[in-house]
Amino acid sequence: MKKFLFLLMMWFAATSLMAQTNMLDISGQVTDSVTGNPIPNHAVHVDIDSASGGFTYHKELHTDASGNYADTVILNPGNPTGLLHLWTLDCRQYMHSDYIAFGGGIQNITRYYSICSGTPPPPCYAQFYPAFSPPPSLDVHFINTSAGSIGPWSWQFGDGTSSNNFDPWHTYAAPGIYHVTLNMGDSLAGGCYGSVFHDVLVGDSTGGCHAEFTWNCDSNMMLRKVYFHNQSVPAGAACQWSFGDSTFSTEQNPIHVFPGNGTFHVCLTITSANPQCADTRCHEVPVGPPPPPGCENWFTYMPNWLDISFEGHMQNNAPATFDWSFGDGTSGNGKNTTHHFQAPGMYSVSLTTVRQDSSQCTFTSTQQVLVGDSNNIHQVYGQVFAGNFPLHAGLAMIFSDDTLPGGMPFIASSPLDSNGIFIFPYVPGGRYVIWALPFDSAGEFLPTFFEQALYWEQATRITLGQPLNPYNIHLVHANGMPVGPGGINGQVNTQGLKSSSVDQIAMILTDEQGQALGFRKVSAAGIFDFPTMAYGTYYLKPELPNFASDLVKVVLSESKPVAVVTMTLSSSGILGVNDLSGSLESYVIYPNPVSDVLNVSLKLTASANAVAQIYNFNGQLVYSENFGLTRGENQVRLNVGSLATGMYTLRIISSEGIMISRKVMIMR
């Protein structure tokens, strides 16, 4: 009897404890977006920041053989509130995530993710840059930076000669501008192949020349007739236009009718006898009407406790039917509708549209809608434009300008869809900056904050509260890189922060007047590179929201054509030190391509302890070796015979300031 009473008391105690438990039951499934099959052993991340009690929780889950994941989180006693961030990465390293507010008691949270699976294909593109010998030499070393192919390689140097070498040297007979083409791979055999060309200025500099032009399209000619306006300096310099459709002109301000719709690579080359100089400027010119509005839809909503007002949207307001599924077993229709939910909770709301034209295009979009907590969570959306057209490939990010309760900043990302649209569905109240980052770091546009600010310090803050959607961003136009024999490369190291923050940095390059010329996205390994730069004075500005950064001055000249810059990312900001070449006087890396042993010859003015590191194209460290260097000539042999065929990045660094970064092709 005593034993029975004891067990009964224990049962009551357990029941009482369970009644007071604050618990999150998290579960879901990850499936392949193409096949619908479950994806096993896939990482799903759980991050929790409690607004009360200071509770934090971080865990990496892995799906089972059926693609399912599950976790139970016991929260602190009392009445905990906070924000759960549930996220996973797809094969392109895009983040799929949900932000879910929680309160006390037991809450069941289920999220399903349909993503691309498997290993993404390696990058496949042809690219090169010229390295020039000091004047008056007409020798040019063409550095092959192509990726994804092992050849063959076919070079056309623009003077009637050619080569099949990987990194050929070529001596021109006279100064001038030469149209150099690299063809990569064998299209008949399939696999990775490509082609690229550059207009290379040999034996001269741009001097007093600066090529530039603008254009406008004639609406009476279906936008195919384009008026080009020469804005080059000096005025009256001889012109050579290439319209990208195998036609040319020598007029100052030509009028050209293109054969069809599309985007054409138009280049203007100017030459002048007084001053004796030349320069080339290219633009991607869109011709013809913009593409028809896409099939995609999206929707916004305005919560009022259990009553939610929904509004459906189509690109360019294309006519369509709107049908709703509210996730509670009921449905509705119409572009605008208000629905009353019976109870608070998270509901999966879907909108299906059918275009009312000959295409009859059907599309369904789904969002997780939080009902009953409209005061703390907001939806933020907008569109990103590159010139007059939506940005097709890029990323939008939102950063809190202060911290949330509990001391944690809020950060979320949204890949742009084909119409340049981004949506952040669950954003807590506070002050934020929104940043748009184009994927093409060699293009005409720069990473830009809302509204049209280039730097975080000048960005317009938005306050939530009531969102003032849409928050559209028009990217700032780059002024263009001046081409020449120099180059800038470097490394961003981390100090006390996760290295994953590094690849969110955009390295902005400006001239002496502060005009932004272009940018490079820093790699996951912290590397950035500006090849083929003209001699002159430049400034580097690393841009990452909520981080102060140094403005680093770089001077390129005939005596010092390449500058190496090392920066450190820490909690206090991004600090930079220019040209930490230390005791390094010169170096040679050979052979390239290499099959077994890579030789590095270094000449130093003082001894040093260095490390050689080799990274693959995913930014993973695949080789590391430490060695000591003495004053004078040094020979280092790196055994790379165990590495697979492909393109790699070799870095040699030392605490004394040596910093070398080169692309290396390994071939069998």
Foldseek 3Di string as FASTA:
>chain_A
DVVVVVVVVVVVVVVVVLQQWFKEKEKEFEAAQPPRAGDFQFWKWKWWAWLPPLDIDIDIWTAHPRRMTIDMDTDDTDKIKTKIKIWGAAQVRDIDIDIDIDIGDYHYHYDYHHHHHDHDQWDFEWDWAWFDDFPPFQKIWIATPGFFAPFQKWKDFQPRDIDRDNTDIDGDPDWDWGWMKIWGDDVVVDGGIYMDIDTDGTRAFQVQKDWDKDKFADVVLQRQKIKIATPIPPPPFFKWKDFQPPDIDRDNIDIDGDPDFDWGWMKIKGADVVVGHIAMDIATHGGGDDDPWDLDKDKFWAADAQKIKIAIDGVVRFDKWKKKDWQPRDIDTDRIDIDGDPDWDWGWMKIWIFGPDPVRRIDMDIDTDGHRPRQFWHKAKAFEDAPPAGQQWWKKKKWAPAPRNSGHIDIDMFTAHRRRMGMDGTDTWHKMKMWIQGPPQQHFFHIAIQERHRAQVPHDIDGDDPDPDHRYYYTDTAPAFRFANAKEKEFEAEDPDDLQQLQQKWKWKAAPVRGTHTIFRQASLRIDMDGGHDFHKMWIFIHDHPADEDIDIDGADSVRRYKYKYWYQYPNHIYIDIRLQFFWDDKDWDDFADAFKIKIKTAGQAKFKKKKWKAAPNRDTDDIDIDIGGHGIDIDIDTPNVDDFIKIWIWMATPSRRTDIDIGTHDD
